[in-house]
Amino acid sequence: MMYGEMYLNDFRRIGDGAISFSTGKSIELHEESLAWLRLALTHPFDGKTVVITHHLPSMSSVAQRYKTDLLSACFASELSHLFGEMSVWIHGHTHDSCDYEMNGTRVVCNPRGYVRSSHAENPRFNPSLIIQV
């Protein structure tokens, strides 16, 4: 994680002026959010469950070109043990599309990517994507 502090802008640009964002704070927020999600998934209701997060819920969502990049662990967690408790998990952060099923959960990411010119950074971006639940 120290590698992430050296190379990710999040650890240099996020803060409240007095306190900088750190890997320790990132882990703390992740654990709090994960505890909340686990609790939320225990509440029954009529209908299907959809989870939407910014970061990737599985290393399976990491694009092939970044599979061995140490920074991938800073924005992708291995939460596939939760798959099956929701119908769909939609996430962002990455600039590559993915759409796969694991343990009964469909995982979808459809990012446009950075605006660098008149075209989308991600050639697989689908502006008309509709996800049936």
C-alpha atoms as a PDB file:
ATOM      1  CA  MET A   1       0.000   0.000   0.000  1.00  0.00           C
ATOM      2  CA  MET A   2       2.950   2.345   0.521  1.00  0.00           C
ATOM      3  CA  TYR A   3       3.547   1.996  -3.220  1.00  0.00           C
ATOM      4  CA  GLY A   4       0.084   3.464  -3.723  1.00  0.00           C
ATOM      5  CA  GLU A   5       0.876   6.476  -1.552  1.00  0.00           C
ATOM      6  CA  MET A   6       3.888   7.199  -3.749  1.00  0.00           C
ATOM      7  CA  TYR A   7       2.143   6.878  -7.110  1.00  0.00           C
ATOM      8  CA  LEU A   8      -1.598   7.582  -6.764  1.00  0.00           C
ATOM      9  CA  ASN A   9      -2.854  11.160  -6.896  1.00  0.00           C
ATOM     10  CA  ASP A  10      -5.564  10.332  -4.335  1.00  0.00           C
ATOM     11  CA  PHE A  11      -2.962  10.246  -1.587  1.00  0.00           C
ATOM     12  CA  ARG A  12      -1.554  13.635  -2.601  1.00  0.00           C
ATOM     13  CA  ARG A  13      -4.733  15.528  -3.479  1.00  0.00           C
ATOM     14  CA  ILE A  14      -7.409  14.314  -1.060  1.00  0.00           C
ATOM     15  CA  GLY A  15      -7.565  15.796   2.402  1.00  0.00           C
ATOM     16  CA  ASP A  16      -9.278  18.411   4.496  1.00  0.00           C
ATOM     17  CA  GLY A  17      -6.333  20.755   4.750  1.00  0.00           C
ATOM     18  CA  ALA A  18      -5.090  19.502   8.095  1.00  0.00           C
ATOM     19  CA  ILE A  19      -5.177  15.767   7.478  1.00  0.00           C
ATOM     20  CA  SER A  20      -3.979  14.038   4.321  1.00  0.00           C
ATOM     21  CA  PHE A  21      -5.577  10.932   2.906  1.00  0.00           C
ATOM     22  CA  SER A  22      -3.427   7.872   3.597  1.00  0.00           C
ATOM     23  CA  THR A  23      -3.429   4.149   2.975  1.00  0.00           C
ATOM     24  CA  GLY A  24      -4.393   3.674   6.616  1.00  0.00           C
ATOM     25  CA  LYS A  25      -7.416   5.957   6.195  1.00  0.00           C
ATOM     26  CA  SER A  26      -8.287   4.186   2.944  1.00  0.00           C
ATOM     27  CA  ILE A  27      -8.278   0.800   4.685  1.00  0.00           C
ATOM     28  CA  GLU A  28     -10.335   2.200   7.568  1.00  0.00           C
ATOM     29  CA  LEU A  29     -12.974   3.603   5.187  1.00  0.00           C
ATOM     30  CA  HIS A  30     -13.012   0.346   3.225  1.00  0.00           C
ATOM     31  CA  GLU A  31     -13.628  -1.699   6.379  1.00  0.00           C
ATOM     32  CA  GLU A  32     -16.420   0.667   7.498  1.00  0.00           C
ATOM     33  CA  SER A  33     -18.077   0.532   4.085  1.00  0.00           C
ATOM     34  CA  LEU A  34     -17.742  -3.244   3.872  1.00  0.00           C
ATOM     35  CA  ALA A  35     -19.321  -3.659   7.322  1.00  0.00           C
ATOM     36  CA  TRP A  36     -22.214  -1.433   6.214  1.00  0.00           C
ATOM     37  CA  LEU A  37     -22.676  -3.416   2.988  1.00  0.00           C
ATOM     38  CA  ARG A  38     -22.631  -6.768   4.782  1.00  0.00           C
ATOM     39  CA  LEU A  39     -25.303  -5.502   7.185  1.00  0.00           C
ATOM     40  CA  ALA A  40     -27.399  -4.017   4.385  1.00  0.00           C
ATOM     41  CA  LEU A  41     -27.325  -7.336   2.518  1.00  0.00           C
ATOM     42  CA  THR A  42     -28.925  -9.074   5.517  1.00  0.00           C
ATOM     43  CA  HIS A  43     -32.098  -6.952   5.336  1.00  0.00           C
ATOM     44  CA  PRO A  44     -34.731  -8.800   3.293  1.00  0.00           C
ATOM     45  CA  PHE A  45     -36.992  -6.911   0.918  1.00  0.00           C
ATOM     46  CA  ASP A  46     -39.109  -7.591  -2.142  1.00  0.00           C
ATOM     47  CA  GLY A  47     -37.089  -7.340  -5.304  1.00  0.00           C
ATOM     48  CA  LYS A  48     -33.582  -7.881  -6.531  1.00  0.00           C
ATOM     49  CA  THR A  49     -30.486  -6.372  -4.971  1.00  0.00           C
ATOM     50  CA  VAL A  50     -28.192  -4.097  -6.964  1.00  0.00           C
ATOM     51  CA  VAL A  51     -24.910  -2.857  -5.493  1.00  0.00           C
ATOM     52  CA  ILE A  52     -23.225   0.219  -6.970  1.00  0.00           C
ATOM     53  CA  THR A  53     -19.700   1.176  -5.941  1.00  0.00           C
ATOM     54  CA  HIS A  54     -16.962   3.359  -7.285  1.00  0.00           C
ATOM     55  CA  HIS A  55     -14.150   0.844  -6.834  1.00  0.00           C
ATOM     56  CA  LEU A  56     -13.906  -2.630  -8.342  1.00  0.00           C
ATOM     57  CA  PRO A  57     -15.372  -5.514  -6.295  1.00  0.00           C
ATOM     58  CA  SER A  58     -13.078  -8.141  -7.758  1.00  0.00           C
ATOM     59  CA  MET A  59      -9.671  -8.451  -9.347  1.00  0.00           C
ATOM     60  CA  SER A  60     -11.592 -10.062 -12.225  1.00  0.00           C
ATOM     61  CA  SER A  61     -12.696  -6.531 -13.159  1.00  0.00           C
ATOM     62  CA  VAL A  62      -9.111  -5.356 -13.618  1.00  0.00           C
ATOM     63  CA  ALA A  63      -8.235  -5.053 -17.314  1.00  0.00           C
ATOM     64  CA  GLN A  64      -5.688  -7.587 -18.533  1.00  0.00           C
ATOM     65  CA  ARG A  65      -3.099  -4.863 -19.146  1.00  0.00           C
ATOM     66  CA  TYR A  66      -3.192  -3.941 -15.422  1.00  0.00           C
ATOM     67  CA  LYS A  67      -3.393  -7.431 -13.858  1.00  0.00           C
ATOM     68  CA  THR A  68       0.226  -7.311 -12.671  1.00  0.00           C
ATOM     69  CA  ASP A  69       0.270  -3.592 -11.786  1.00  0.00           C
ATOM     70  CA  LEU A  70       0.736  -3.184  -8.030  1.00  0.00           C
ATOM     71  CA  LEU A  71      -1.530  -0.113  -8.057  1.00  0.00           C
ATOM     72  CA  SER A  72      -4.530  -2.259  -9.028  1.00  0.00           C
ATOM     73  CA  ALA A  73      -4.853  -3.356  -5.403  1.00  0.00           C
ATOM     74  CA  CYS A  74      -5.471   0.278  -4.440  1.00  0.00           C
ATOM     75  CA  PHE A  75      -8.786   0.389  -6.300  1.00  0.00           C
ATOM     76  CA  ALA A  76      -9.839  -3.254  -6.660  1.00  0.00           C
ATOM     77  CA  SER A  77     -10.813  -5.466  -3.738  1.00  0.00           C
ATOM     78  CA  GLU A  78     -11.519  -9.172  -3.774  1.00  0.00           C
ATOM     79  CA  LEU A  79     -15.129  -9.218  -2.599  1.00  0.00           C
ATOM     80  CA  SER A  80     -16.309 -12.041  -4.834  1.00  0.00           C
ATOM     81  CA  HIS A  81     -17.236 -13.999  -1.683  1.00  0.00           C
ATOM     82  CA  LEU A  82     -20.225 -11.610  -1.508  1.00  0.00           C
ATOM     83  CA  PHE A  83     -21.319 -12.392  -5.062  1.00  0.00           C
ATOM     84  CA  GLY A  84     -24.545 -14.343  -5.105  1.00  0.00           C
ATOM     85  CA  GLU A  85     -26.102 -12.029  -2.516  1.00  0.00           C
ATOM     86  CA  MET A  86     -26.936  -9.467  -5.201  1.00  0.00           C
ATOM     87  CA  SER A  87     -28.197  -9.753  -8.765  1.00  0.00           C
ATOM     88  CA  VAL A  88     -25.950  -7.062 -10.198  1.00  0.00           C
ATOM     89  CA  TRP A  89     -22.863  -5.197  -8.991  1.00  0.00           C
ATOM     90  CA  ILE A  90     -22.100  -2.059 -10.990  1.00  0.00           C
ATOM     91  CA  HIS A  91     -18.790  -0.296 -10.468  1.00  0.00           C
ATOM     92  CA  GLY A  92     -16.655   2.450 -11.873  1.00  0.00           C
ATOM     93  CA  HIS A  93     -13.096   3.746 -11.436  1.00  0.00           C
ATOM     94  CA  THR A  94     -11.483   1.695 -14.165  1.00  0.00           C
ATOM     95  CA  HIS A  95     -11.375   3.012 -17.713  1.00  0.00           C
ATOM     96  CA  ASP A  96     -12.078  -0.370 -19.290  1.00  0.00           C
ATOM     97  CA  SER A  97     -15.474  -1.993 -19.731  1.00  0.00           C
ATOM     98  CA  CYS A  98     -16.323  -5.343 -18.241  1.00  0.00           C
ATOM     99  CA  ASP A  99     -19.458  -7.440 -18.069  1.00  0.00           C
ATOM    100  CA  TYR A 100     -19.201 -10.899 -16.538  1.00  0.00           C
ATOM    101  CA  GLU A 101     -21.015 -13.217 -14.174  1.00  0.00           C
ATOM    102  CA  MET A 102     -19.495 -14.779 -11.078  1.00  0.00           C
ATOM    103  CA  ASN A 103     -21.276 -16.848  -8.423  1.00  0.00           C
ATOM    104  CA  GLY A 104     -24.685 -15.728  -9.665  1.00  0.00           C
ATOM    105  CA  THR A 105     -23.897 -12.006  -9.750  1.00  0.00           C
ATOM    106  CA  ARG A 106     -23.534  -9.978 -12.931  1.00  0.00           C
ATOM    107  CA  VAL A 107     -20.675  -7.470 -12.648  1.00  0.00           C
ATOM    108  CA  VAL A 108     -20.798  -4.486 -15.004  1.00  0.00           C
ATOM    109  CA  CYS A 109     -18.584  -1.477 -15.651  1.00  0.00           C
ATOM    110  CA  ASN A 110     -19.222   0.835 -18.613  1.00  0.00           C
ATOM    111  CA  PRO A 111     -16.913   3.847 -18.273  1.00  0.00           C
ATOM    112  CA  ARG A 112     -16.475   6.497 -20.913  1.00  0.00           C
ATOM    113  CA  GLY A 113     -13.029   7.319 -19.577  1.00  0.00           C
ATOM    114  CA  TYR A 114     -11.253  10.646 -19.578  1.00  0.00           C
ATOM    115  CA  VAL A 115     -12.339  13.325 -22.016  1.00  0.00           C
ATOM    116  CA  ARG A 116      -9.177  13.899 -23.990  1.00  0.00           C
ATOM    117  CA  SER A 117     -10.706  14.912 -27.305  1.00  0.00           C
ATOM    118  CA  SER A 118     -13.964  14.382 -29.098  1.00  0.00           C
ATOM    119  CA  HIS A 119     -13.821  10.613 -28.601  1.00  0.00           C
ATOM    120  CA  ALA A 120     -14.200   8.395 -25.563  1.00  0.00           C
ATOM    121  CA  GLU A 121     -11.045   6.954 -24.033  1.00  0.00           C
ATOM    122  CA  ASN A 122     -12.751   3.561 -23.802  1.00  0.00           C
ATOM    123  CA  PRO A 123     -13.602   2.214 -27.277  1.00  0.00           C
ATOM    124  CA  ARG A 124     -15.966  -0.344 -25.674  1.00  0.00           C
ATOM    125  CA  PHE A 125     -18.035   2.355 -23.904  1.00  0.00           C
ATOM    126  CA  ASN A 126     -21.717   1.856 -24.677  1.00  0.00           C
ATOM    127  CA  PRO A 127     -23.708   5.083 -24.168  1.00  0.00           C
ATOM    128  CA  SER A 128     -26.942   3.136 -24.714  1.00  0.00           C
ATOM    129  CA  LEU A 129     -26.270   0.359 -22.199  1.00  0.00           C
ATOM    130  CA  ILE A 130     -29.346  -0.765 -20.291  1.00  0.00           C
ATOM    131  CA  ILE A 131     -28.970  -3.327 -17.529  1.00  0.00           C
ATOM    132  CA  GLN A 132     -32.036  -5.505 -17.022  1.00  0.00           C
ATOM    133  CA  VAL A 133     -32.564  -6.494 -13.398  1.00  0.00           C
END
